[in-house]
Each structure stands twice: as structure tokens, then as C-alpha cells.
Amino acid sequence: MKLHKTLVNAIILTLQQIFVNGVYADKAVAQILKKNVRWGSRDRRFIAETIYEMVRWWRLINQSSNIYNPVTETDFWKLFATWQIINGTELPNWEEFREINKIKILERVEEAKKIRKLRESIPDWLDELGEKELGENIWSKELTELNKEAQVVLRVNILKTSQESLQKKLNEQNIETFTLKNPKHPWESISKEILILKKRQNLQSLKEYKEGLFEIQDGSSQLIAQFMDLSSGMFVIDACAGAGGKSLHIAALLNNTGKIVSMDVEEKKLVELKKRSDRSGANIIQIKLVNENILNKYQSTADRLLLDVPCSGLGVLRRTPDAKWKLNLEFINDVKKKQQDILQKYSIMVKPGGIMIYATCSILPSENENQIKFFLEKNKKNFKLIEDLKIMPSEGFDGFYMAKILNTN
């Protein structure tokens, strides 16, 4: 694509928002696109994709340009030029590119490729942590996968439509999708609900989205509700519901029977959940803000308790590449304490014979298997692990972990 200064300038300004002002990438991109509604779809896609890719490869770009703490607009123009050179794009004869030395940049790129943390563009501490927890071979493999662009995945709302019907409607609008062919365990459980876009497109303006015929939800995330062994009429508590993607899926699998209590500590997310549940037709969902009394109120009541706990998000770096520049060891240590605290405190809501599901979108054992092991050691008289499932990014979707734990009382 031919470079246009107006579009490049928008990219420069957005990158400054992300790396100087600390704005999250998705919000920064949304802001710049909202300000410029006249841009066509091709221009908007170029801006968004370039920003996300530069964020993803930020350390490699810094290393190759020899600019490590960019602050000025000039710095960011040089970083943009470096990214174009890495991708083999010829730079136009603009004043901003006058001092760019293509040969030196390419030499630095080749040197950087010899060192994993530079080649895969991650902070030192994260590279050390990943290798320590997963081993060099697995960590290297998964890092490569996490640097690929994420697929856009849809979950068909079976309360309102079928996979075949939705696929046909989208195809009529030149939105091509594909299904999972001959899926093996565990993917066969979601094979009738999942559609994957062949080409990244914005779908939220579609009539089908507004009518609740589908949600945008990764394949690994869709596995969680299926993993819960749900039956019609059950009482389910989704205790860390957020904006409610999994609550909506649970409602669909229950065929709108029984009852779901979706709770969270953030009221803003619950407001979004209400909008989504209304749109999807999931009318068995009750929304509750977590407070001091709510755990006792629901003590020993839930047939199924879902704890999709806060985590590092290392399994979803494809979708949130700026997270690796905002994360730190202190945050990860704090979130692990929070995970164990939620397990210990919230588990009282599972009734005898009921099942608790613990889930994260992390690939670190310290947030996953080790948390379950510690919980069971503290509660061996009351709880027993039935099974767990770990999905790695190299399997094609996001990295997730889920464990199924029985209340044996």
C-alpha cells in the first residue's frame, strides 16, 4: 500500500498515546478512528493493523532503530520508518525519513534475530519467567505463536439461530467464514457453534450482531462453558463474569432453563453484560455486584460455579500485544495472590456434589496447575480434582487453562 502522510501521522500520534501517555492500544486505536470517520475501510484497516503490529514488535523495532526510549515525534517517525524497512517497504522521499540509514537498520535486525527476547520482542523478565515455568523449547514455540495475528472467531447464539443459517447470512454480505473440519477432542464440543472469519472485518455494525445472532468469542474461551458439564435447569454462578461472554454461552447451553447469577466487582462491566444479555435473549441471567454479603447469601447453592479469575493474560497476547509492555513481575505476583484468595473464599458457593470450574487465559503453571494443587492441599477434605485442560496458543486459538473440581461433601 502506498504511504499517505495523513495516515502515517495518525499512526505516529496513536503510538505516542500508547507508549508515552500509557493509553491501552485498543482504546487509542478506537479514539483515532472515531475522530476520523471519513476514512474508508481500507485506510482504517491499514492504521489499525500497522499500530497493532508495531506494538507487537516494539522491542525489535527499538533495537533495530537504536531508539530505546522514544519521546519526541521525530523518534516515532524513525520507528515507523524502521518498521517499514523491516517489512521491505520502500520509504517515500519525505523530510521525516531524510536521516534514515536503511543498511544499518537491516544489520541491527539480523543481529537482533539471533537473540530470542529481541527476535520475539518481549521484555527480559518475561522471557526469563516463561522459560523458567515452561522450559526453553515450549516457551520458544509458544512465543512464536503469540506473535501471530489473532483470528476473529464467532460463537453462534444457538438460542436464536444455527451455524449453517448464520454462515449463509454472512456469506450473502461477502463475509466469508469457515468451520472446524473433523475436530478432535476438545474442539468437537464447540464445532457446531464456532465460525472463523477468513478475513478480519468489523462485524459490530451488522444487523445480525445487533440482533444477538452471534458473539465475538475465541475458540478456547468457548470451551469453558462446554467443559462445565451443564444440564437443563441447573443453578449456575459465574462469579467473575466481567462483560459476560461465558454467562451468555452458559445460558445458550442451558437452553434458557434454570438460573444464572452473573457477578463481578466492576459495575461498569455488569452494565455491558446487561446489554449483551438483552441482545442475546439470555433471560435467565441475574446480575449482581459482588459485596461482603453475597458469598454467604449463595453459600452451598450452586450446581456449577465458574471462577474465570483475573490473570496475567499471557495466553491472549495475540489480542493484547501491548500487555507485555504494561505487565511486570509485581503485577503477576499480586494477581496470583488474588487468584488463590478467590478460590478459597468463593468456593463456599458450590453445593455438595456440585462442581467448581477454575479458569484463566494464562499459560503459566504458577497461575494454573499450581494454584489448583495449593487449593486442594488446603481443602482436601471437601474438594477433589476431576480433570483439567490446558490449551496452548500453538493449538490455533488463545492460551487457556480450566480445571473441574468436585465438592465431595
Protein backbone atom coordinates (compact mmCIF):
# COMPACT_ATOMS: atom_id res chain seq x y z
CA MET A 1 0.00 0.00 0.00
CA LYS A 2 1.24 3.47 -0.90
CA LEU A 3 2.02 5.51 2.20
CA HIS A 4 -0.05 8.63 2.81
CA LYS A 5 1.27 11.23 5.23
CA THR A 6 -2.12 11.83 6.86
CA LEU A 7 -2.47 8.14 7.73
CA VAL A 8 1.13 7.80 8.90
CA ASN A 9 0.71 10.87 11.08
CA ALA A 10 -2.34 9.23 12.68
CA ILE A 11 -0.24 6.14 13.42
CA ILE A 12 2.53 8.28 14.93
CA LEU A 13 0.10 10.13 17.21
CA THR A 14 -1.54 6.89 18.35
CA LEU A 15 1.78 5.21 19.15
CA GLN A 16 2.69 8.23 21.27
CA GLN A 17 -0.59 7.83 23.13
CA ILE A 18 0.25 4.19 23.83
CA PHE A 19 3.92 4.42 24.72
CA VAL A 20 4.24 7.94 26.17
CA ASN A 21 0.82 8.51 27.74
CA GLY A 22 0.12 4.88 28.71
CA VAL A 23 -3.21 4.54 26.88
CA TYR A 24 -4.23 0.93 26.10
CA ALA A 25 -3.81 0.11 22.42
CA ASP A 26 -7.45 -0.81 21.78
CA LYS A 27 -8.67 2.46 23.29
CA ALA A 28 -6.03 4.53 21.45
CA VAL A 29 -6.93 2.93 18.11
CA ALA A 30 -10.65 3.40 18.74
CA GLN A 31 -10.09 7.08 19.58
CA ILE A 32 -8.14 7.89 16.42
CA LEU A 33 -10.65 6.08 14.18
CA LYS A 34 -13.61 7.76 15.89
CA LYS A 35 -12.07 11.19 15.27
CA ASN A 36 -11.71 10.48 11.54
CA VAL A 37 -14.99 8.91 10.41
CA ARG A 38 -14.40 9.86 6.76
CA TRP A 39 -11.57 7.37 6.33
CA GLY A 40 -12.55 4.39 4.21
CA SER A 41 -12.37 0.78 5.40
CA ARG A 42 -9.04 0.18 3.67
CA ASP A 43 -7.40 3.18 5.37
CA ARG A 44 -8.88 2.28 8.74
CA ARG A 45 -7.61 -1.28 8.42
CA PHE A 46 -4.12 -0.05 7.47
CA ILE A 47 -3.96 2.23 10.50
CA ALA A 48 -5.24 -0.36 12.99
CA GLU A 49 -3.14 -3.23 11.66
CA THR A 50 0.04 -1.15 11.48
CA ILE A 51 -0.38 0.12 15.04
CA TYR A 52 -1.03 -3.34 16.47
CA GLU A 53 1.88 -4.88 14.57
CA MET A 54 4.25 -2.14 15.68
CA VAL A 55 3.10 -2.60 19.28
CA ARG A 56 3.64 -6.35 18.93
CA TRP A 57 7.19 -5.94 17.61
CA TRP A 58 8.08 -2.83 19.61
CA ARG A 59 11.30 -4.12 21.15
CA LEU A 60 12.60 -5.43 17.83
CA ILE A 61 11.79 -2.05 16.26
CA ASN A 62 13.52 -0.18 19.11
CA GLN A 63 16.58 -2.39 18.81
CA SER A 64 16.76 -2.05 15.03
CA SER A 65 16.34 1.73 15.06
CA ASN A 66 18.66 2.25 18.05
CA ILE A 67 15.91 4.28 19.78
CA TYR A 68 15.09 2.76 23.16
CA ASN A 69 13.08 5.43 24.96
CA PRO A 70 11.15 7.30 22.28
CA VAL A 71 9.52 10.53 23.39
CA THR A 72 9.56 13.04 20.56
CA GLU A 73 7.54 12.95 17.37
CA THR A 74 10.83 12.63 15.46
CA ASP A 75 11.63 9.45 17.39
CA PHE A 76 8.31 7.93 16.43
CA TRP A 77 8.72 8.81 12.75
CA LYS A 78 12.07 6.99 12.79
CA LEU A 79 10.48 3.97 14.47
CA PHE A 80 7.75 3.91 11.83
CA ALA A 81 10.38 4.06 9.11
CA THR A 82 12.25 1.18 10.75
CA TRP A 83 9.12 -0.97 10.75
CA GLN A 84 8.55 -0.27 7.07
CA ILE A 85 12.14 -1.25 6.27
CA ILE A 86 11.81 -4.47 8.30
CA ASN A 87 8.78 -5.29 6.15
CA GLY A 88 10.55 -4.48 2.89
CA THR A 89 8.56 -1.32 2.11
CA GLU A 90 10.26 1.43 0.15
CA LEU A 91 10.13 4.73 2.00
CA PRO A 92 8.86 7.80 0.14
CA ASN A 93 11.12 10.82 -0.20
CA TRP A 94 9.74 12.66 2.83
CA GLU A 95 11.61 15.08 5.06
CA GLU A 96 10.83 12.87 8.11
CA PHE A 97 12.79 9.98 6.55
CA ARG A 98 15.81 12.03 5.44
CA GLU A 99 18.18 10.69 8.14
CA ILE A 100 17.12 7.03 7.92
CA ASN A 101 20.00 4.62 7.28
CA LYS A 102 18.43 1.52 5.77
CA ILE A 103 21.65 -0.55 5.74
CA LYS A 104 22.35 -0.03 9.45
CA ILE A 105 18.74 -0.84 10.35
CA LEU A 106 18.85 -4.12 8.43
CA GLU A 107 22.18 -5.02 10.05
CA ARG A 108 20.68 -4.48 13.51
CA VAL A 109 17.64 -6.57 12.55
CA GLU A 110 19.88 -9.52 11.64
CA GLU A 111 21.77 -9.20 14.91
CA ALA A 112 18.55 -9.00 16.93
CA LYS A 113 17.20 -12.17 15.32
CA LYS A 114 19.97 -14.17 17.00
CA ILE A 115 18.57 -13.39 20.49
CA ARG A 116 15.13 -14.77 21.39
CA LYS A 117 13.93 -11.89 23.59
CA LEU A 118 14.78 -9.45 20.78
CA ARG A 119 13.62 -11.69 17.94
CA GLU A 120 10.28 -12.36 19.64
CA SER A 121 10.10 -8.83 21.04
CA ILE A 122 9.46 -9.33 24.76
CA PRO A 123 10.90 -7.86 27.98
CA ASP A 124 13.85 -9.61 29.66
CA TRP A 125 11.90 -10.50 32.80
CA LEU A 126 9.07 -12.11 30.81
CA ASP A 127 11.46 -14.18 28.72
CA GLU A 128 13.15 -15.44 31.89
CA LEU A 129 9.82 -16.21 33.58
CA GLY A 130 8.40 -18.08 30.58
CA GLU A 131 11.50 -20.24 30.18
CA LYS A 132 11.61 -20.97 33.92
CA GLU A 133 7.98 -22.12 34.03
CA LEU A 134 7.58 -23.85 30.66
CA GLY A 135 11.10 -24.83 29.62
CA GLU A 136 13.08 -23.41 26.73
CA ASN A 137 11.55 -25.47 23.92
CA ILE A 138 7.87 -24.98 24.82
CA TRP A 139 8.33 -21.31 25.67
CA SER A 140 10.11 -20.60 22.36
CA LYS A 141 7.38 -22.38 20.41
CA GLU A 142 4.53 -20.59 22.17
CA LEU A 143 6.21 -17.18 21.89
CA THR A 144 6.32 -17.56 18.13
CA GLU A 145 2.61 -18.39 18.11
CA LEU A 146 1.73 -15.47 20.38
CA ASN A 147 3.31 -13.08 17.89
CA LYS A 148 0.91 -14.11 15.12
CA GLU A 149 -2.24 -12.12 14.43
CA ALA A 150 -5.28 -13.47 16.26
CA GLN A 151 -8.16 -14.92 14.28
CA VAL A 152 -11.61 -13.34 14.54
CA VAL A 153 -13.81 -16.09 15.98
CA LEU A 154 -17.59 -16.06 16.37
CA ARG A 155 -19.82 -18.05 18.68
CA VAL A 156 -23.19 -18.74 17.10
CA ASN A 157 -26.02 -17.98 19.53
CA ILE A 158 -27.94 -21.25 19.36
CA LEU A 159 -30.84 -19.63 21.21
CA LYS A 160 -31.58 -17.65 18.07
CA THR A 161 -30.02 -19.31 15.04
CA SER A 162 -27.86 -22.15 13.74
CA GLN A 163 -24.31 -22.28 12.47
CA GLU A 164 -25.48 -23.05 8.93
CA SER A 165 -28.06 -20.24 8.88
CA LEU A 166 -25.67 -17.59 10.23
CA GLN A 167 -22.89 -18.64 7.89
CA LYS A 168 -25.28 -18.27 4.94
CA LYS A 169 -26.41 -14.80 6.06
CA LEU A 170 -22.83 -13.60 6.47
CA ASN A 171 -21.81 -15.09 3.12
CA GLU A 172 -24.59 -13.13 1.40
CA GLN A 173 -22.84 -9.98 2.69
CA ASN A 174 -19.43 -11.16 1.37
CA ILE A 175 -18.27 -12.11 4.86
CA GLU A 176 -16.60 -15.47 4.42
CA THR A 177 -16.26 -17.85 7.36
CA PHE A 178 -15.17 -21.43 7.89
CA THR A 179 -15.93 -24.13 10.43
CA LEU A 180 -13.73 -26.69 12.17
CA LYS A 181 -13.23 -29.70 9.91
CA ASN A 182 -13.00 -33.12 11.59
CA PRO A 183 -12.27 -31.63 15.03
CA LYS A 184 -10.66 -33.78 17.68
CA HIS A 185 -11.02 -33.51 21.46
CA PRO A 186 -11.70 -30.98 22.91
CA TRP A 187 -12.67 -28.99 19.83
CA GLU A 188 -15.54 -31.25 18.78
CA SER A 189 -17.59 -29.86 21.69
CA ILE A 190 -17.78 -26.41 20.05
CA SER A 191 -17.77 -27.49 16.40
CA LYS A 192 -21.45 -26.63 15.85
CA GLU A 193 -21.20 -23.19 17.44
CA ILE A 194 -17.97 -21.76 16.04
CA LEU A 195 -17.34 -19.73 12.88
CA ILE A 196 -13.96 -18.29 11.97
CA LEU A 197 -13.55 -15.31 9.66
CA LYS A 198 -11.38 -15.83 6.61
CA LYS A 199 -10.55 -12.11 6.58
CA ARG A 200 -10.56 -9.68 9.50
CA GLN A 201 -13.63 -7.43 9.32
CA ASN A 202 -15.63 -5.20 11.66
CA LEU A 203 -18.88 -7.01 12.43
CA GLN A 204 -20.45 -4.96 15.21
CA SER A 205 -22.44 -2.78 12.82
CA LEU A 206 -24.14 -5.81 11.28
CA LYS A 207 -27.86 -6.39 11.77
CA GLU A 208 -27.07 -9.98 12.79
CA TYR A 209 -24.79 -8.79 15.60
CA LYS A 210 -27.30 -6.21 16.85
CA GLU A 211 -29.98 -8.91 16.89
CA GLY A 212 -27.77 -11.17 19.02
CA LEU A 213 -27.27 -13.96 16.50
CA PHE A 214 -23.59 -14.21 17.41
CA GLU A 215 -20.90 -13.04 19.81
CA ILE A 216 -17.20 -12.49 19.12
CA GLN A 217 -15.51 -15.09 21.33
CA ASP A 218 -12.31 -17.07 20.82
CA GLY A 219 -12.49 -20.84 20.41
CA SER A 220 -10.59 -21.57 23.64
CA SER A 221 -12.92 -19.29 25.57
CA GLN A 222 -15.89 -21.15 24.08
CA LEU A 223 -14.55 -24.42 25.51
CA ILE A 224 -15.14 -23.29 29.10
CA ALA A 225 -18.95 -23.47 29.12
CA GLN A 226 -18.80 -26.84 27.36
CA PHE A 227 -16.27 -28.04 29.95
CA MET A 228 -18.77 -27.36 32.76
CA ASP A 229 -20.99 -30.44 32.10
CA LEU A 230 -24.16 -28.37 32.12
CA SER A 231 -27.70 -29.80 32.25
CA SER A 232 -31.04 -28.06 31.78
CA GLY A 233 -32.45 -26.43 34.88
CA MET A 234 -29.16 -26.02 36.74
CA PHE A 235 -28.33 -23.11 39.02
CA VAL A 236 -25.03 -21.63 37.84
CA ILE A 237 -22.97 -18.84 39.37
CA ASP A 238 -20.48 -17.03 37.12
CA ALA A 239 -18.60 -15.27 39.89
CA CYS A 240 -16.03 -13.29 37.85
CA ALA A 241 -18.36 -12.62 34.95
CA GLY A 242 -16.89 -9.40 33.56
CA ALA A 243 -18.86 -8.38 30.49
CA GLY A 244 -20.48 -11.79 30.41
CA GLY A 245 -19.30 -13.70 27.34
CA LYS A 246 -19.24 -17.01 29.18
CA SER A 247 -22.52 -16.31 31.01
CA LEU A 248 -24.21 -15.88 27.63
CA HIS A 249 -22.75 -19.16 26.39
CA ILE A 250 -23.88 -20.96 29.56
CA ALA A 251 -27.42 -19.61 29.05
CA ALA A 252 -27.44 -20.93 25.49
CA LEU A 253 -26.25 -24.39 26.56
CA LEU A 254 -28.91 -24.46 29.29
CA ASN A 255 -31.45 -23.54 26.59
CA ASN A 256 -32.61 -20.67 28.80
CA THR A 257 -33.68 -23.00 31.61
CA GLY A 258 -32.59 -22.85 35.24
CA LYS A 259 -30.89 -19.75 36.58
CA ILE A 260 -27.56 -17.96 36.21
CA VAL A 261 -26.24 -15.40 38.67
CA SER A 262 -23.50 -13.37 36.98
CA MET A 263 -21.46 -11.29 39.39
CA ASP A 264 -18.39 -9.10 39.29
CA VAL A 265 -16.60 -6.45 41.35
CA GLU A 266 -16.78 -3.90 38.50
CA GLU A 267 -20.20 -2.36 37.92
CA LYS A 268 -19.19 -0.96 34.51
CA LYS A 269 -18.66 -4.48 33.17
CA LEU A 270 -22.02 -5.61 34.51
CA VAL A 271 -23.76 -2.76 32.66
CA GLU A 272 -22.25 -4.14 29.43
CA LEU A 273 -23.32 -7.66 30.43
CA LYS A 274 -26.94 -6.48 30.78
CA LYS A 275 -26.87 -5.02 27.26
CA ARG A 276 -25.41 -8.21 25.84
CA SER A 277 -27.84 -10.50 27.65
CA ASP A 278 -30.80 -8.43 26.40
CA ARG A 279 -29.45 -8.61 22.87
CA SER A 280 -28.83 -12.36 23.00
CA GLY A 281 -32.17 -13.29 24.56
CA ALA A 282 -30.49 -14.89 27.59
CA ASN A 283 -33.29 -14.13 30.03
CA ILE A 284 -32.22 -16.46 32.85
CA ILE A 285 -29.26 -14.25 33.83
CA GLN A 286 -29.46 -12.25 37.06
CA ILE A 287 -26.73 -9.63 37.52
CA LYS A 288 -25.19 -8.94 40.93
CA LEU A 289 -22.39 -6.67 42.11
CA VAL A 290 -20.03 -8.52 44.44
CA ASN A 291 -20.21 -7.31 48.05
CA GLU A 292 -19.31 -8.62 51.50
CA ASN A 293 -22.60 -10.47 51.96
CA ILE A 294 -23.13 -12.07 48.58
CA LEU A 295 -20.85 -15.08 49.11
CA ASN A 296 -22.70 -16.06 52.28
CA LYS A 297 -26.05 -15.45 50.60
CA TYR A 298 -25.26 -18.07 47.98
CA GLN A 299 -23.35 -20.47 50.25
CA SER A 300 -23.79 -24.13 49.18
CA THR A 301 -26.29 -23.29 46.40
CA ALA A 302 -24.56 -23.59 43.02
CA ASP A 303 -24.72 -26.70 40.86
CA ARG A 304 -21.88 -25.10 38.93
CA LEU A 305 -19.58 -22.28 39.99
CA LEU A 306 -17.37 -20.66 37.34
CA LEU A 307 -14.31 -18.76 38.53
CA ASP A 308 -12.79 -17.18 35.43
CA VAL A 309 -10.26 -15.36 37.58
CA PRO A 310 -8.09 -12.28 36.87
CA CYS A 311 -4.75 -13.35 35.43
CA SER A 312 -1.65 -12.20 33.56
CA GLY A 313 -3.37 -12.73 30.20
CA LEU A 314 -0.23 -14.28 28.71
CA GLY A 315 -2.36 -16.72 26.71
CA VAL A 316 -4.04 -13.88 24.80
CA LEU A 317 -1.06 -11.70 23.87
CA ARG A 318 -2.02 -12.07 20.21
CA ARG A 319 -5.09 -9.95 21.00
CA THR A 320 -3.49 -7.56 23.50
CA PRO A 321 0.13 -7.17 22.39
CA ASP A 322 0.61 -4.00 24.47
CA ALA A 323 0.03 -6.05 27.64
CA LYS A 324 3.61 -7.34 27.53
CA TRP A 325 4.88 -3.76 27.83
CA LYS A 326 2.49 -2.92 30.66
CA LEU A 327 2.84 -6.13 32.69
CA ASN A 328 5.51 -6.60 35.35
CA LEU A 329 6.53 -9.22 37.89
CA GLU A 330 4.91 -7.35 40.75
CA PHE A 331 1.54 -7.42 38.96
CA ILE A 332 1.83 -11.14 38.23
CA ASN A 333 2.72 -11.92 41.85
CA ASP A 334 -0.22 -9.82 43.04
CA VAL A 335 -2.65 -11.45 40.64
CA LYS A 336 -1.57 -14.92 41.79
CA LYS A 337 -2.44 -13.96 45.37
CA LYS A 338 -5.80 -12.71 44.15
CA GLN A 339 -6.45 -15.96 42.27
CA GLN A 340 -5.85 -18.08 45.38
CA ASP A 341 -7.91 -15.70 47.51
CA ILE A 342 -10.87 -16.03 45.11
CA LEU A 343 -10.56 -19.83 45.08
CA GLN A 344 -10.54 -20.05 48.87
CA LYS A 345 -13.34 -17.54 49.50
CA TYR A 346 -15.71 -18.12 46.58
CA SER A 347 -15.65 -21.94 46.75
CA ILE A 348 -18.22 -21.87 49.59
CA MET A 349 -20.92 -21.18 46.97
CA VAL A 350 -20.67 -24.70 45.46
CA LYS A 351 -23.26 -27.06 46.88
CA PRO A 352 -22.33 -30.62 48.00
CA GLY A 353 -21.94 -32.69 44.84
CA GLY A 354 -21.63 -29.52 42.76
CA ILE A 355 -18.70 -28.60 40.56
CA MET A 356 -16.41 -25.56 40.56
CA ILE A 357 -14.57 -24.58 37.38
CA TYR A 358 -11.39 -22.53 37.71
CA ALA A 359 -10.21 -20.84 34.50
CA THR A 360 -7.53 -18.42 33.31
CA CYS A 361 -6.27 -17.11 29.98
CA SER A 362 -2.69 -17.71 31.09
CA ILE A 363 -0.23 -20.42 30.08
CA LEU A 364 1.91 -20.21 33.24
CA PRO A 365 1.71 -23.24 35.58
CA SER A 366 2.05 -20.89 38.57
CA GLU A 367 -1.34 -19.40 37.66
CA ASN A 368 -2.91 -22.70 36.69
CA GLU A 369 -1.95 -26.20 37.86
CA ASN A 370 0.00 -24.90 40.85
CA GLN A 371 -2.96 -22.83 42.06
CA ILE A 372 -5.24 -25.86 41.95
CA LYS A 373 -2.68 -28.01 43.73
CA PHE A 374 -2.32 -25.45 46.53
CA PHE A 375 -6.11 -25.07 46.86
CA LEU A 376 -6.66 -28.82 47.09
CA GLU A 377 -3.93 -29.22 49.70
CA LYS A 378 -5.79 -26.69 51.85
CA ASN A 379 -9.22 -28.22 51.15
CA LYS A 380 -8.52 -31.94 50.63
CA LYS A 381 -11.49 -32.99 52.82
CA ASN A 382 -14.01 -31.04 50.76
CA PHE A 383 -12.79 -30.87 47.17
CA LYS A 384 -11.35 -33.21 44.54
CA LEU A 385 -9.95 -32.53 41.06
CA ILE A 386 -11.97 -34.29 38.35
CA GLU A 387 -9.94 -33.15 35.35
CA ASP A 388 -8.12 -30.17 33.91
CA LEU A 389 -7.40 -28.94 30.41
CA LYS A 390 -4.63 -26.70 29.12
CA ILE A 391 -4.86 -25.11 25.68
CA MET A 392 -1.67 -23.66 24.25
CA PRO A 393 -1.57 -20.91 21.60
CA SER A 394 0.15 -23.35 19.23
CA GLU A 395 -3.16 -25.25 19.03
CA GLY A 396 -4.59 -22.38 16.99
CA PHE A 397 -6.64 -20.38 19.47
CA ASP A 398 -5.88 -18.45 22.66
CA GLY A 399 -3.97 -19.98 25.56
CA PHE A 400 -6.37 -21.06 28.32
CA TYR A 401 -6.47 -23.30 31.38
CA MET A 402 -9.51 -24.83 33.06
CA ALA A 403 -9.93 -27.20 35.99
CA LYS A 404 -13.04 -29.06 37.11
CA ILE A 405 -13.25 -29.54 40.89
CA LEU A 406 -15.93 -31.55 42.74
CA ASN A 407 -17.35 -30.61 46.14
CA THR A 408 -17.19 -34.02 47.82
CA ASN A 409 -19.26 -33.13 50.90
